[in-house]
Amino acid sequence: MSYTPGGGDHATTRLVRWGVQGVDTGTPHSAPLDASGNTLGPFTVGQVVHVLTEVSNSAGTRTTALRTITIAVPIV
């Protein structure tokens, strides 16, 4: 994933959250959001992964819209 340059610069907490459809409820997995992009997984071909970002500061917490990614066969 890649992010808008400068987005979330003032956040005290920045996370990327995800869950696998049919395996997880919601987006229970998280990792620190890396503004240069995150690598998640491993996932298997055919899995449907739901991903969002969550940032917080003293004013509150904001999340992005939930994105859905279907894992395809790698291009080699």
Protein backbone atom coordinates (compact mmCIF):
# COMPACT_ATOMS: atom_id res chain seq x y z
CA MET A 1 0.00 0.00 0.00
CA SER A 2 1.10 3.57 -0.49
CA TYR A 3 -0.18 6.70 1.22
CA THR A 4 -0.71 10.40 0.50
CA PRO A 5 2.56 12.29 1.14
CA GLY A 6 2.34 14.13 4.46
CA GLY A 7 -0.91 12.42 5.43
CA GLY A 8 -1.10 11.69 9.15
CA ASP A 9 2.09 13.62 9.96
CA HIS A 10 0.60 14.95 13.21
CA ALA A 11 -0.94 11.67 14.36
CA THR A 12 0.37 10.13 17.56
CA THR A 13 -0.80 6.65 16.56
CA ARG A 14 -0.78 5.36 12.95
CA LEU A 15 -1.84 1.81 12.14
CA VAL A 16 -2.71 -0.27 9.12
CA ARG A 17 -5.37 -2.85 10.11
CA TRP A 18 -6.48 -5.95 8.19
CA GLY A 19 -8.47 -9.14 8.36
CA VAL A 20 -9.06 -12.14 6.10
CA GLN A 21 -12.68 -12.76 5.08
CA GLY A 22 -13.99 -16.06 6.46
CA VAL A 23 -11.07 -16.33 8.90
CA ASP A 24 -11.15 -13.12 10.95
CA THR A 25 -13.92 -10.98 12.39
CA GLY A 26 -13.35 -7.39 11.34
CA THR A 27 -9.76 -6.16 11.08
CA PRO A 28 -8.06 -7.68 14.14
CA HIS A 29 -4.48 -7.57 12.80
CA SER A 30 -2.45 -4.37 12.87
CA ALA A 31 1.01 -3.03 12.19
CA PRO A 32 2.56 0.42 12.50
CA LEU A 33 1.69 2.40 9.37
CA ASP A 34 4.81 3.05 7.28
CA ALA A 35 4.25 6.16 5.15
CA SER A 36 6.49 4.70 2.43
CA GLY A 37 4.20 1.65 2.21
CA ASN A 38 3.46 -1.53 4.12
CA THR A 39 3.96 -5.18 3.24
CA LEU A 40 1.32 -7.46 4.74
CA GLY A 41 0.84 -11.20 4.66
CA PRO A 42 1.53 -13.89 3.78
CA PHE A 43 -1.80 -14.58 2.11
CA THR A 44 -2.86 -17.37 -0.20
CA VAL A 45 -4.31 -17.08 -3.70
CA GLY A 46 -8.06 -16.53 -3.52
CA GLN A 47 -8.12 -15.02 -0.04
CA VAL A 48 -10.09 -11.79 0.35
CA VAL A 49 -8.34 -9.29 2.62
CA HIS A 50 -10.02 -6.23 4.15
CA VAL A 51 -7.65 -3.34 4.90
CA LEU A 52 -8.00 0.12 6.46
CA THR A 53 -5.76 2.70 8.09
CA GLU A 54 -6.40 4.22 11.49
CA VAL A 55 -4.76 7.38 12.86
CA SER A 56 -5.23 9.04 16.25
CA ASN A 57 -4.21 12.22 18.02
CA SER A 58 -5.57 14.28 20.91
CA ALA A 59 -8.59 15.29 18.78
CA GLY A 60 -9.73 11.70 18.19
CA THR A 61 -9.38 8.71 15.88
CA ARG A 62 -10.06 8.52 12.16
CA THR A 63 -10.21 5.51 9.87
CA THR A 64 -10.20 5.24 6.10
CA ALA A 65 -12.89 3.45 4.16
CA LEU A 66 -12.49 -0.31 4.21
CA ARG A 67 -10.69 -1.58 1.10
CA THR A 68 -11.06 -5.11 -0.21
CA ILE A 69 -8.23 -6.95 -1.96
CA THR A 70 -8.60 -10.38 -3.56
CA ILE A 71 -5.25 -12.17 -3.69
CA ALA A 72 -4.45 -13.28 -7.26
CA VAL A 73 -1.84 -15.58 -8.74
CA PRO A 74 1.53 -13.78 -8.67
CA ILE A 75 2.83 -12.39 -11.96
CA VAL A 76 6.30 -13.76 -12.56
